[in-house]
Amino acid sequence: MSKLRILLVTSRITYMPDNYLALFKSFLEKRADWVKGIVLLDNLDRKTLLQSIGLPLIGVKGVGFQLIKNIIEVPLKEREKLFEKHNIPTMLWDSMNTKRALDFVDRHDIDVIINLRTRCIYKPEILNAPNIGCLNVHHGLLPNYKGTFCDLYALTEDREAGFSIHEMNEQIDAGKIHKVIPVASKEDIRVKNKYSYLKYLELTAEKEAQSLFELCEEIEKSNSFPKGIDNIPTDKVFTKNPNREKIKSFIDKGFIL
C-alpha cells in the first residue's frame, strides 16, 4: 500500500477562528506525512478589506472582528510556520486553475486535493489532475442544503447544522458524498441568553480535521475514493450570503454574528 499524497487548499483570509490554524494543527498531528503542500489562495484584496470594516457596522461584529484579526495576523505567518516545522511547502497562488498548480500536482504525484473554504471554481484540468480526485468541505448537510452559509441558516431556523465532505466535479457541491457530519444545534452554542456563531465555527474545526483524517485513511487503504452516496437532493434548500435585512432578522432571533 502506497502512502497517500495530499495537497491542501484554503483561502489566505477566512473568517474561521485563527484562519483554520486549529484544523491544520490537528490534521498534521495525525498524519503530516500525507501532506505535500498547502496552497493559500490570495483573496487579500480591497473587497476583503472593505468587508472586514463593513461587517461590524451592520451588526456582524464577531465575524467582522475575526476577519480583521485574521488580516492583521497574516504577516505573522502562523500557518506557514506550522507547515514549515513539518518541512511542508506553502504556496501563495491566485487560483488553482493555472499551469503552476497543474505542474505541482504532477511533479509531486498528488493523489487528492482537499479544498477548504475557498470560492475558487475548479476547472476540469485541475479536477482531473490528481491521481484519485478532489474533495471539498461544504458547510451544509448535503444533499439537500446547498449554497453559502448553510450552517448559519440552519442554526437560525432551529435545524441541526454541520458540514459535508464530497468529491468535486464541474458542478458546485454536486459530487459523491462521503461524510455528512452534524456539529451543533443552536442550544449547543448558547452564551447566556444569546447564540454565538463564532462558537459554532470553533466547534467545526476539530470535527472537520477528524472527519478528513478518517476519510483519508479509507482512501489510502483502497487507493481510491469510497463508494459514497449520490448527491441528489430530495428537498433542495439553496442559501446565499445574507443581506442586511436577513442579518437583522438573525440578530433579532438572538444570534451573535
C-alpha atoms as a PDB file:
ATOM      1  CA  MET A   1       0.000   0.000   0.000  1.00  0.00           C
ATOM      2  CA  SER A   2       1.496   3.330  -1.065  1.00  0.00           C
ATOM      3  CA  LYS A   3       1.351   6.379   1.173  1.00  0.00           C
ATOM      4  CA  LEU A   4      -1.327   8.928   0.359  1.00  0.00           C
ATOM      5  CA  ARG A   5      -0.160  12.259  -1.077  1.00  0.00           C
ATOM      6  CA  ILE A   6      -2.372  15.254  -0.334  1.00  0.00           C
ATOM      7  CA  LEU A   7      -2.420  18.906  -1.380  1.00  0.00           C
ATOM      8  CA  LEU A   8      -4.394  21.182   0.964  1.00  0.00           C
ATOM      9  CA  VAL A   9      -6.003  24.344  -0.418  1.00  0.00           C
ATOM     10  CA  THR A  10      -7.582  27.184   1.559  1.00  0.00           C
ATOM     11  CA  SER A  11      -8.011  30.942   1.338  1.00  0.00           C
ATOM     12  CA  ARG A  12      -5.343  33.314   2.560  1.00  0.00           C
ATOM     13  CA  ILE A  13      -8.053  35.048   4.576  1.00  0.00           C
ATOM     14  CA  THR A  14     -11.067  33.265   6.053  1.00  0.00           C
ATOM     15  CA  TYR A  15     -13.471  34.210   8.832  1.00  0.00           C
ATOM     16  CA  MET A  16     -12.654  30.970  10.677  1.00  0.00           C
ATOM     17  CA  PRO A  17     -11.022  31.493  14.074  1.00  0.00           C
ATOM     18  CA  ASP A  18      -7.263  31.916  13.516  1.00  0.00           C
ATOM     19  CA  ASN A  19      -7.626  31.204   9.796  1.00  0.00           C
ATOM     20  CA  TYR A  20      -8.220  27.455  10.309  1.00  0.00           C
ATOM     21  CA  LEU A  21      -4.992  27.032  12.298  1.00  0.00           C
ATOM     22  CA  ALA A  22      -6.650  24.591  14.733  1.00  0.00           C
ATOM     23  CA  LEU A  23      -7.753  22.300  11.908  1.00  0.00           C
ATOM     24  CA  PHE A  24      -4.297  22.231  10.350  1.00  0.00           C
ATOM     25  CA  LYS A  25      -2.606  21.552  13.702  1.00  0.00           C
ATOM     26  CA  SER A  26      -4.950  18.667  14.400  1.00  0.00           C
ATOM     27  CA  PHE A  27      -4.576  17.136  10.934  1.00  0.00           C
ATOM     28  CA  LEU A  28      -0.774  17.421  10.916  1.00  0.00           C
ATOM     29  CA  GLU A  29      -0.529  15.869  14.378  1.00  0.00           C
ATOM     30  CA  LYS A  30      -2.265  12.813  12.959  1.00  0.00           C
ATOM     31  CA  ARG A  31      -0.564  12.420   9.561  1.00  0.00           C
ATOM     32  CA  ALA A  32       1.763  15.211   8.483  1.00  0.00           C
ATOM     33  CA  ASP A  33       3.498  12.735   6.169  1.00  0.00           C
ATOM     34  CA  TRP A  34       0.457  12.706   3.890  1.00  0.00           C
ATOM     35  CA  VAL A  35       0.641  16.433   3.150  1.00  0.00           C
ATOM     36  CA  LYS A  36       2.907  17.521   0.282  1.00  0.00           C
ATOM     37  CA  GLY A  37       1.923  21.181   0.290  1.00  0.00           C
ATOM     38  CA  ILE A  38      -0.605  23.801   1.264  1.00  0.00           C
ATOM     39  CA  VAL A  39      -1.915  26.442  -1.120  1.00  0.00           C
ATOM     40  CA  LEU A  40      -3.197  29.770   0.186  1.00  0.00           C
ATOM     41  CA  LEU A  41      -5.374  31.349  -2.481  1.00  0.00           C
ATOM     42  CA  ASP A  42      -4.797  35.083  -2.313  1.00  0.00           C
ATOM     43  CA  ASN A  43      -8.044  36.876  -1.520  1.00  0.00           C
ATOM     44  CA  LEU A  44      -6.461  39.698   0.487  1.00  0.00           C
ATOM     45  CA  ASP A  45      -7.809  42.466  -1.706  1.00  0.00           C
ATOM     46  CA  ARG A  46      -9.752  45.715  -1.448  1.00  0.00           C
ATOM     47  CA  LYS A  47     -13.069  43.852  -1.318  1.00  0.00           C
ATOM     48  CA  THR A  48     -11.976  41.750   1.674  1.00  0.00           C
ATOM     49  CA  LEU A  49     -10.618  44.802   3.484  1.00  0.00           C
ATOM     50  CA  LEU A  50     -13.852  46.727   2.947  1.00  0.00           C
ATOM     51  CA  GLN A  51     -15.879  43.724   4.058  1.00  0.00           C
ATOM     52  CA  SER A  52     -13.903  43.439   7.305  1.00  0.00           C
ATOM     53  CA  ILE A  53     -14.643  47.101   8.062  1.00  0.00           C
ATOM     54  CA  GLY A  54     -18.257  46.996   6.937  1.00  0.00           C
ATOM     55  CA  LEU A  55     -19.447  43.861   8.726  1.00  0.00           C
ATOM     56  CA  PRO A  56     -19.245  45.277  12.281  1.00  0.00           C
ATOM     57  CA  LEU A  57     -21.121  48.360  11.103  1.00  0.00           C
ATOM     58  CA  ILE A  58     -24.154  46.247  10.164  1.00  0.00           C
ATOM     59  CA  GLY A  59     -24.117  44.180  13.350  1.00  0.00           C
ATOM     60  CA  VAL A  60     -21.844  41.303  12.290  1.00  0.00           C
ATOM     61  CA  LYS A  61     -19.297  42.082  14.983  1.00  0.00           C
ATOM     62  CA  GLY A  62     -17.968  38.620  15.833  1.00  0.00           C
ATOM     63  CA  VAL A  63     -17.219  37.505  12.280  1.00  0.00           C
ATOM     64  CA  GLY A  64     -16.183  41.017  11.257  1.00  0.00           C
ATOM     65  CA  PHE A  65     -13.659  41.419  14.061  1.00  0.00           C
ATOM     66  CA  GLN A  66     -12.401  37.869  13.471  1.00  0.00           C
ATOM     67  CA  LEU A  67     -11.843  38.771   9.831  1.00  0.00           C
ATOM     68  CA  ILE A  68      -9.922  41.895  10.868  1.00  0.00           C
ATOM     69  CA  LYS A  69      -7.867  39.836  13.346  1.00  0.00           C
ATOM     70  CA  ASN A  70      -7.039  37.286  10.649  1.00  0.00           C
ATOM     71  CA  ILE A  71      -5.956  40.036   8.248  1.00  0.00           C
ATOM     72  CA  ILE A  72      -3.750  41.669  10.896  1.00  0.00           C
ATOM     73  CA  GLU A  73      -2.136  38.313  11.699  1.00  0.00           C
ATOM     74  CA  VAL A  74      -1.274  37.472   8.077  1.00  0.00           C
ATOM     75  CA  PRO A  75       2.276  38.931   8.393  1.00  0.00           C
ATOM     76  CA  LEU A  76       2.899  36.624  11.391  1.00  0.00           C
ATOM     77  CA  LYS A  77       2.575  33.644   9.023  1.00  0.00           C
ATOM     78  CA  GLU A  78       1.379  31.234  11.700  1.00  0.00           C
ATOM     79  CA  ARG A  79       0.124  28.682   9.173  1.00  0.00           C
ATOM     80  CA  GLU A  80       3.325  28.917   7.147  1.00  0.00           C
ATOM     81  CA  LYS A  81       5.421  28.368  10.296  1.00  0.00           C
ATOM     82  CA  LEU A  82       3.322  25.372  11.280  1.00  0.00           C
ATOM     83  CA  PHE A  83       3.803  23.693   7.910  1.00  0.00           C
ATOM     84  CA  GLU A  84       7.466  24.651   7.789  1.00  0.00           C
ATOM     85  CA  LYS A  85       8.024  22.685  11.027  1.00  0.00           C
ATOM     86  CA  HIS A  86       6.943  19.618   9.092  1.00  0.00           C
ATOM     87  CA  ASN A  87       9.010  20.531   6.006  1.00  0.00           C
ATOM     88  CA  ILE A  88       5.838  21.138   4.001  1.00  0.00           C
ATOM     89  CA  PRO A  89       5.926  23.979   1.449  1.00  0.00           C
ATOM     90  CA  THR A  90       3.358  26.785   1.459  1.00  0.00           C
ATOM     91  CA  MET A  91       2.370  28.389  -1.858  1.00  0.00           C
ATOM     92  CA  LEU A  92       0.544  31.703  -2.295  1.00  0.00           C
ATOM     93  CA  TRP A  93      -1.379  31.445  -5.562  1.00  0.00           C
ATOM     94  CA  ASP A  94      -4.172  33.402  -7.196  1.00  0.00           C
ATOM     95  CA  SER A  95      -6.064  30.349  -8.444  1.00  0.00           C
ATOM     96  CA  MET A  96      -5.949  26.576  -8.769  1.00  0.00           C
ATOM     97  CA  ASN A  97      -6.713  26.916 -12.476  1.00  0.00           C
ATOM     98  CA  THR A  98      -3.140  27.583 -13.557  1.00  0.00           C
ATOM     99  CA  LYS A  99      -0.276  25.712 -15.158  1.00  0.00           C
ATOM    100  CA  ARG A 100       1.685  26.203 -11.944  1.00  0.00           C
ATOM    101  CA  ALA A 101      -0.950  24.266  -9.993  1.00  0.00           C
ATOM    102  CA  LEU A 102      -1.080  21.502 -12.607  1.00  0.00           C
ATOM    103  CA  ASP A 103       2.725  21.243 -12.611  1.00  0.00           C
ATOM    104  CA  PHE A 104       2.857  20.964  -8.800  1.00  0.00           C
ATOM    105  CA  VAL A 105       0.236  18.203  -8.751  1.00  0.00           C
ATOM    106  CA  ASP A 106       2.084  16.327 -11.487  1.00  0.00           C
ATOM    107  CA  ARG A 107       5.572  16.819 -10.025  1.00  0.00           C
ATOM    108  CA  HIS A 108       4.547  15.656  -6.540  1.00  0.00           C
ATOM    109  CA  ASP A 109       2.286  12.865  -7.822  1.00  0.00           C
ATOM    110  CA  ILE A 110      -0.635  14.200  -5.759  1.00  0.00           C
ATOM    111  CA  ASP A 111      -3.421  11.722  -5.076  1.00  0.00           C
ATOM    112  CA  VAL A 112      -6.016  14.032  -3.509  1.00  0.00           C
ATOM    113  CA  ILE A 113      -6.601  17.796  -3.388  1.00  0.00           C
ATOM    114  CA  ILE A 114      -8.620  18.930  -0.369  1.00  0.00           C
ATOM    115  CA  ASN A 115     -10.395  22.286  -0.730  1.00  0.00           C
ATOM    116  CA  LEU A 116     -11.229  24.179   2.476  1.00  0.00           C
ATOM    117  CA  ARG A 117     -13.255  27.417   2.408  1.00  0.00           C
ATOM    118  CA  THR A 118     -12.294  28.893  -0.920  1.00  0.00           C
ATOM    119  CA  ARG A 119     -14.526  30.421  -3.576  1.00  0.00           C
ATOM    120  CA  CYS A 120     -12.375  29.042  -6.385  1.00  0.00           C
ATOM    121  CA  ILE A 121     -14.350  27.173  -9.051  1.00  0.00           C
ATOM    122  CA  TYR A 122     -12.073  24.337 -10.175  1.00  0.00           C
ATOM    123  CA  LYS A 123     -11.928  23.749 -13.931  1.00  0.00           C
ATOM    124  CA  PRO A 124     -11.783  20.267 -15.468  1.00  0.00           C
ATOM    125  CA  GLU A 125      -7.992  20.335 -15.883  1.00  0.00           C
ATOM    126  CA  ILE A 126      -7.270  20.644 -12.150  1.00  0.00           C
ATOM    127  CA  LEU A 127     -10.213  18.433 -11.166  1.00  0.00           C
ATOM    128  CA  ASN A 128      -8.694  15.645 -13.252  1.00  0.00           C
ATOM    129  CA  ALA A 129      -5.066  16.306 -12.269  1.00  0.00           C
ATOM    130  CA  PRO A 130      -4.777  14.284  -9.004  1.00  0.00           C
ATOM    131  CA  ASN A 131      -4.466  10.508  -9.223  1.00  0.00           C
ATOM    132  CA  ILE A 132      -7.685   9.957  -7.259  1.00  0.00           C
ATOM    133  CA  GLY A 133      -9.535  13.271  -7.292  1.00  0.00           C
ATOM    134  CA  CYS A 134     -10.543  16.414  -5.403  1.00  0.00           C
ATOM    135  CA  LEU A 135     -12.516  16.745  -2.166  1.00  0.00           C
ATOM    136  CA  ASN A 136     -14.378  19.759  -0.799  1.00  0.00           C
ATOM    137  CA  VAL A 137     -15.665  20.538   2.679  1.00  0.00           C
ATOM    138  CA  HIS A 138     -19.125  22.041   2.206  1.00  0.00           C
ATOM    139  CA  HIS A 139     -20.596  23.848   5.199  1.00  0.00           C
ATOM    140  CA  GLY A 140     -24.058  22.407   4.988  1.00  0.00           C
ATOM    141  CA  LEU A 141     -25.658  18.984   5.292  1.00  0.00           C
ATOM    142  CA  LEU A 142     -25.777  17.524   1.792  1.00  0.00           C
ATOM    143  CA  PRO A 143     -27.555  16.579  -0.373  1.00  0.00           C
ATOM    144  CA  ASN A 144     -30.416  18.951   0.495  1.00  0.00           C
ATOM    145  CA  TYR A 145     -28.642  22.041   1.811  1.00  0.00           C
ATOM    146  CA  LYS A 146     -26.540  23.854  -0.782  1.00  0.00           C
ATOM    147  CA  GLY A 147     -25.204  27.356  -1.336  1.00  0.00           C
ATOM    148  CA  THR A 148     -23.361  29.589   1.130  1.00  0.00           C
ATOM    149  CA  PHE A 149     -23.736  29.970   4.908  1.00  0.00           C
ATOM    150  CA  CYS A 150     -25.890  26.833   5.046  1.00  0.00           C
ATOM    151  CA  ASP A 151     -24.795  26.269   8.636  1.00  0.00           C
ATOM    152  CA  LEU A 152     -25.825  29.753   9.770  1.00  0.00           C
ATOM    153  CA  TYR A 153     -29.247  29.460   8.146  1.00  0.00           C
ATOM    154  CA  ALA A 154     -29.711  26.040   9.760  1.00  0.00           C
ATOM    155  CA  LEU A 155     -28.923  27.367  13.227  1.00  0.00           C
ATOM    156  CA  THR A 156     -31.247  30.356  12.877  1.00  0.00           C
ATOM    157  CA  GLU A 157     -34.030  28.091  11.607  1.00  0.00           C
ATOM    158  CA  ASP A 158     -33.708  25.693  14.575  1.00  0.00           C
ATOM    159  CA  ARG A 159     -32.178  22.940  12.458  1.00  0.00           C
ATOM    160  CA  GLU A 160     -29.007  20.996  13.193  1.00  0.00           C
ATOM    161  CA  ALA A 161     -26.006  22.490  11.432  1.00  0.00           C
ATOM    162  CA  GLY A 162     -22.904  20.753  10.132  1.00  0.00           C
ATOM    163  CA  PHE A 163     -20.696  20.051   7.149  1.00  0.00           C
ATOM    164  CA  SER A 164     -20.270  17.508   4.367  1.00  0.00           C
ATOM    165  CA  ILE A 165     -17.210  16.174   2.562  1.00  0.00           C
ATOM    166  CA  HIS A 166     -17.819  15.414  -1.091  1.00  0.00           C
ATOM    167  CA  GLU A 167     -15.991  14.795  -4.326  1.00  0.00           C
ATOM    168  CA  MET A 168     -15.588  17.809  -6.568  1.00  0.00           C
ATOM    169  CA  ASN A 169     -16.798  17.836 -10.153  1.00  0.00           C
ATOM    170  CA  GLU A 170     -17.678  20.553 -12.661  1.00  0.00           C
ATOM    171  CA  GLN A 171     -20.910  21.356 -10.829  1.00  0.00           C
ATOM    172  CA  ILE A 172     -20.820  23.134  -7.471  1.00  0.00           C
ATOM    173  CA  ASP A 173     -21.408  20.935  -4.387  1.00  0.00           C
ATOM    174  CA  ALA A 174     -22.654  18.127  -6.607  1.00  0.00           C
ATOM    175  CA  GLY A 175     -20.119  15.278  -6.377  1.00  0.00           C
ATOM    176  CA  LYS A 176     -20.479  11.993  -4.479  1.00  0.00           C
ATOM    177  CA  ILE A 177     -20.892  12.489  -0.736  1.00  0.00           C
ATOM    178  CA  HIS A 178     -18.515  10.730   1.681  1.00  0.00           C
ATOM    179  CA  LYS A 179     -19.214  12.356   5.053  1.00  0.00           C
ATOM    180  CA  VAL A 180     -22.196  14.230   6.483  1.00  0.00           C
ATOM    181  CA  ILE A 181     -21.328  15.468   9.967  1.00  0.00           C
ATOM    182  CA  PRO A 182     -23.757  17.317  12.239  1.00  0.00           C
ATOM    183  CA  VAL A 183     -21.873  19.719  14.513  1.00  0.00           C
ATOM    184  CA  ALA A 184     -24.353  21.559  16.714  1.00  0.00           C
ATOM    185  CA  SER A 185     -27.798  22.954  17.266  1.00  0.00           C
ATOM    186  CA  LYS A 186     -28.316  26.494  18.459  1.00  0.00           C
ATOM    187  CA  GLU A 187     -28.564  25.345  22.084  1.00  0.00           C
ATOM    188  CA  ASP A 188     -25.015  23.984  21.839  1.00  0.00           C
ATOM    189  CA  ILE A 189     -23.718  27.479  21.104  1.00  0.00           C
ATOM    190  CA  ARG A 190     -25.701  29.334  23.722  1.00  0.00           C
ATOM    191  CA  VAL A 191     -23.807  32.092  25.525  1.00  0.00           C
ATOM    192  CA  LYS A 192     -26.073  33.243  28.366  1.00  0.00           C
ATOM    193  CA  ASN A 193     -29.265  34.191  26.517  1.00  0.00           C
ATOM    194  CA  LYS A 194     -27.649  34.535  23.057  1.00  0.00           C
ATOM    195  CA  TYR A 195     -26.305  32.152  20.385  1.00  0.00           C
ATOM    196  CA  SER A 196     -22.745  32.598  19.129  1.00  0.00           C
ATOM    197  CA  TYR A 197     -21.971  31.770  15.507  1.00  0.00           C
ATOM    198  CA  LEU A 198     -18.232  32.084  16.211  1.00  0.00           C
ATOM    199  CA  LYS A 199     -18.570  29.425  18.914  1.00  0.00           C
ATOM    200  CA  TYR A 200     -20.149  27.177  16.300  1.00  0.00           C
ATOM    201  CA  LEU A 201     -17.232  27.789  13.919  1.00  0.00           C
ATOM    202  CA  GLU A 202     -14.789  26.857  16.687  1.00  0.00           C
ATOM    203  CA  LEU A 203     -16.632  23.573  17.190  1.00  0.00           C
ATOM    204  CA  THR A 204     -16.387  22.691  13.495  1.00  0.00           C
ATOM    205  CA  ALA A 205     -12.587  22.822  13.137  1.00  0.00           C
ATOM    206  CA  GLU A 206     -11.762  19.739  15.219  1.00  0.00           C
ATOM    207  CA  LYS A 207     -14.626  17.722  13.721  1.00  0.00           C
ATOM    208  CA  GLU A 208     -13.549  18.653  10.195  1.00  0.00           C
ATOM    209  CA  ALA A 209      -9.960  17.596  10.914  1.00  0.00           C
ATOM    210  CA  GLN A 210     -11.063  14.270  12.392  1.00  0.00           C
ATOM    211  CA  SER A 211     -13.523  13.531   9.581  1.00  0.00           C
ATOM    212  CA  LEU A 212     -10.940  14.336   6.890  1.00  0.00           C
ATOM    213  CA  PHE A 213      -8.403  12.127   8.642  1.00  0.00           C
ATOM    214  CA  GLU A 214     -10.829   9.190   8.826  1.00  0.00           C
ATOM    215  CA  LEU A 215     -11.804   9.570   5.172  1.00  0.00           C
ATOM    216  CA  CYS A 216      -8.161   9.815   4.064  1.00  0.00           C
ATOM    217  CA  GLU A 217      -7.392   6.619   5.976  1.00  0.00           C
ATOM    218  CA  GLU A 218     -10.089   4.872   3.931  1.00  0.00           C
ATOM    219  CA  ILE A 219      -8.742   6.345   0.704  1.00  0.00           C
ATOM    220  CA  GLU A 220      -5.184   5.249   1.474  1.00  0.00           C
ATOM    221  CA  LYS A 221      -6.268   1.653   2.146  1.00  0.00           C
ATOM    222  CA  SER A 222      -8.085   1.260  -1.170  1.00  0.00           C
ATOM    223  CA  ASN A 223      -6.128   3.810  -3.238  1.00  0.00           C
ATOM    224  CA  SER A 224      -9.499   5.218  -4.328  1.00  0.00           C
ATOM    225  CA  PHE A 225     -12.467   7.133  -3.011  1.00  0.00           C
ATOM    226  CA  PRO A 226     -15.056   5.043  -1.139  1.00  0.00           C
ATOM    227  CA  LYS A 227     -18.309   4.337  -2.953  1.00  0.00           C
ATOM    228  CA  GLY A 228     -20.053   7.332  -1.383  1.00  0.00           C
ATOM    229  CA  ILE A 229     -23.677   8.293  -1.855  1.00  0.00           C
ATOM    230  CA  ASP A 230     -25.312  10.122  -4.738  1.00  0.00           C
ATOM    231  CA  ASN A 231     -25.637  13.857  -4.237  1.00  0.00           C
ATOM    232  CA  ILE A 232     -29.279  14.041  -5.259  1.00  0.00           C
ATOM    233  CA  PRO A 233     -31.475  16.323  -3.116  1.00  0.00           C
ATOM    234  CA  THR A 234     -34.973  15.236  -2.156  1.00  0.00           C
ATOM    235  CA  ASP A 235     -35.958  18.674  -0.862  1.00  0.00           C
ATOM    236  CA  LYS A 236     -33.330  21.167  -2.004  1.00  0.00           C
ATOM    237  CA  VAL A 237     -32.726  24.330   0.009  1.00  0.00           C
ATOM    238  CA  PHE A 238     -30.348  26.872  -1.550  1.00  0.00           C
ATOM    239  CA  THR A 239     -28.994  29.706   0.597  1.00  0.00           C
ATOM    240  CA  LYS A 240     -26.822  32.691  -0.256  1.00  0.00           C
ATOM    241  CA  ASN A 241     -24.868  35.374   1.576  1.00  0.00           C
ATOM    242  CA  PRO A 242     -27.382  37.097   3.871  1.00  0.00           C
ATOM    243  CA  ASN A 243     -28.252  40.710   3.097  1.00  0.00           C
ATOM    244  CA  ARG A 244     -28.740  43.433   5.720  1.00  0.00           C
ATOM    245  CA  GLU A 245     -32.388  42.595   6.230  1.00  0.00           C
ATOM    246  CA  LYS A 246     -31.623  38.905   6.765  1.00  0.00           C
ATOM    247  CA  ILE A 247     -28.732  39.718   9.105  1.00  0.00           C
ATOM    248  CA  LYS A 248     -31.040  41.902  11.198  1.00  0.00           C
ATOM    249  CA  SER A 249     -33.538  39.046  11.411  1.00  0.00           C
ATOM    250  CA  PHE A 250     -30.786  36.709  12.672  1.00  0.00           C
ATOM    251  CA  ILE A 251     -29.739  39.231  15.324  1.00  0.00           C
ATOM    252  CA  ASP A 252     -33.372  39.723  16.353  1.00  0.00           C
ATOM    253  CA  LYS A 253     -33.534  35.946  16.959  1.00  0.00           C
ATOM    254  CA  GLY A 254     -30.723  36.272  19.494  1.00  0.00           C
ATOM    255  CA  PHE A 255     -27.715  35.386  17.374  1.00  0.00           C
ATOM    256  CA  ILE A 256     -24.318  36.954  17.905  1.00  0.00           C
ATOM    257  CA  LEU A 257     -22.776  37.163  14.472  1.00  0.00           C
END
